[in-house]
Amino acid sequence: MVANQKKYTDEFRRETADYVISTGRPITRVCEELGLNPKTANDRVLKRRRELGGEPDPRAEDRGLRETKRRIRELEMGNAFGGEAVPAFPRGTWKAHRLARQRAHRETP
């Protein structure tokens, strides 16, 4: 299957994307004329539009958004537990910690 794939130069890819952008015609029609896969051509056109417009890569924005949402969830979880940090204990030490907190709580007036 790999042997059947056509290899195009970077120049051809760029010129194809520029042709689609400059004519404003639907990608599928242009692909029919040139014998190209519309999905591949669409990817090239989107990439070229980002290059020409100076737009940032949307995947980078998504990554930043996911990181921000993760941080917000962590902070909200901390607030749900009274703002107190919940420590991560090695196996078997949580019980000792809990007992120490119970004793400290009983001793406070």
Protein backbone atom coordinates (compact mmCIF):
# COMPACT_ATOMS: atom_id res chain seq x y z
CA MET A 1 0.00 0.00 0.00
CA VAL A 2 2.87 2.38 0.74
CA ALA A 3 4.26 1.72 -2.73
CA ASN A 4 1.08 3.20 -4.27
CA GLN A 5 1.40 6.49 -2.42
CA LYS A 6 2.48 9.47 -4.51
CA LYS A 7 5.28 11.68 -3.24
CA TYR A 8 4.86 15.38 -3.83
CA THR A 9 7.48 18.05 -3.39
CA ASP A 10 7.05 20.73 -0.75
CA GLU A 11 6.83 23.26 -3.56
CA PHE A 12 3.92 21.41 -5.18
CA ARG A 13 2.10 21.18 -1.84
CA ARG A 14 2.60 24.88 -1.18
CA GLU A 15 1.50 25.86 -4.70
CA THR A 16 -1.59 23.66 -4.45
CA ALA A 17 -2.59 25.26 -1.15
CA ASP A 18 -1.94 28.74 -2.54
CA TYR A 19 -4.06 27.91 -5.60
CA VAL A 20 -7.00 26.82 -3.44
CA ILE A 21 -6.67 29.90 -1.22
CA SER A 22 -6.32 32.36 -4.11
CA THR A 23 -9.21 30.99 -6.20
CA GLY A 24 -11.59 30.52 -3.30
CA ARG A 25 -12.97 27.41 -4.99
CA PRO A 26 -14.02 24.37 -2.95
CA ILE A 27 -11.13 22.07 -2.14
CA THR A 28 -13.01 19.04 -3.45
CA ARG A 29 -13.35 20.61 -6.92
CA VAL A 30 -9.69 21.54 -7.08
CA CYS A 31 -8.74 18.04 -5.94
CA GLU A 32 -10.88 16.49 -8.67
CA GLU A 33 -9.00 18.56 -11.25
CA LEU A 34 -5.58 17.68 -9.86
CA GLY A 35 -6.30 14.09 -8.84
CA LEU A 36 -5.53 14.67 -5.15
CA ASN A 37 -7.04 13.41 -1.93
CA PRO A 38 -9.32 16.18 -0.54
CA LYS A 39 -8.43 15.38 3.09
CA THR A 40 -4.72 15.72 2.46
CA ALA A 41 -5.20 18.91 0.45
CA ASN A 42 -7.42 20.36 3.18
CA ASP A 43 -4.69 19.73 5.77
CA ARG A 44 -2.18 21.50 3.54
CA VAL A 45 -4.51 24.45 2.96
CA LEU A 46 -5.16 24.88 6.69
CA LYS A 47 -1.45 24.74 7.43
CA ARG A 48 -0.69 27.26 4.68
CA ARG A 49 -3.39 29.65 5.90
CA ARG A 50 -1.82 29.55 9.38
CA GLU A 51 1.58 30.31 7.85
CA LEU A 52 0.26 33.21 5.78
CA GLY A 53 -1.95 34.64 8.51
CA GLY A 54 0.54 34.23 11.32
CA GLU A 55 -2.05 32.36 13.34
CA PRO A 56 -0.77 30.14 16.14
CA ASP A 57 -1.06 26.39 15.89
CA PRO A 58 -4.49 25.43 17.34
CA ARG A 59 -3.01 22.33 18.96
CA ALA A 60 -0.72 24.55 21.04
CA GLU A 61 -3.76 26.56 22.17
CA ASP A 62 -5.61 23.36 23.03
CA ARG A 63 -2.65 22.16 25.06
CA GLY A 64 -2.56 25.42 27.03
CA LEU A 65 -6.31 25.30 27.59
CA ARG A 66 -6.16 21.70 28.84
CA GLU A 67 -3.33 22.60 31.22
CA THR A 68 -5.29 25.58 32.56
CA LYS A 69 -8.44 23.49 33.06
CA ARG A 70 -6.42 20.82 34.88
CA ARG A 71 -4.94 23.46 37.20
CA ILE A 72 -8.42 24.89 37.90
CA ARG A 73 -9.74 21.41 38.77
CA GLU A 74 -6.85 20.89 41.17
CA LEU A 75 -7.50 24.21 42.89
CA GLU A 76 -11.25 23.55 43.10
CA MET A 77 -10.59 20.17 44.69
CA GLY A 78 -8.33 21.85 47.23
CA ASN A 79 -11.09 24.34 48.03
CA ALA A 80 -13.61 21.52 48.42
CA PHE A 81 -11.50 20.11 51.24
CA GLY A 82 -11.35 23.38 53.13
CA GLY A 83 -8.33 24.67 51.29
CA GLU A 84 -6.20 22.14 53.11
CA ALA A 85 -3.64 20.28 51.07
CA VAL A 86 -4.28 16.57 50.97
CA PRO A 87 -0.93 14.83 51.36
CA ALA A 88 -0.03 11.72 49.44
CA PHE A 89 1.13 9.05 51.85
CA PRO A 90 3.05 5.89 51.13
CA ARG A 91 1.06 2.73 51.67
CA GLY A 92 0.45 2.03 55.35
CA THR A 93 1.29 5.48 56.71
CA TRP A 94 -2.14 7.05 56.24
CA LYS A 95 -3.57 5.27 59.27
CA ALA A 96 -0.78 6.60 61.50
CA HIS A 97 -1.34 10.11 60.18
CA ARG A 98 -5.11 9.87 60.75
CA LEU A 99 -4.62 8.67 64.33
CA ALA A 100 -2.19 11.51 65.03
CA ARG A 101 -4.71 14.05 63.71
CA GLN A 102 -7.47 12.55 65.86
CA ARG A 103 -5.28 12.78 68.97
CA ALA A 104 -4.35 16.37 68.14
CA HIS A 105 -7.99 17.25 67.64
CA ARG A 106 -8.99 15.75 71.03
CA GLU A 107 -6.21 17.63 72.78
CA THR A 108 -7.23 21.06 71.50
CA PRO A 109 -9.58 22.88 73.90
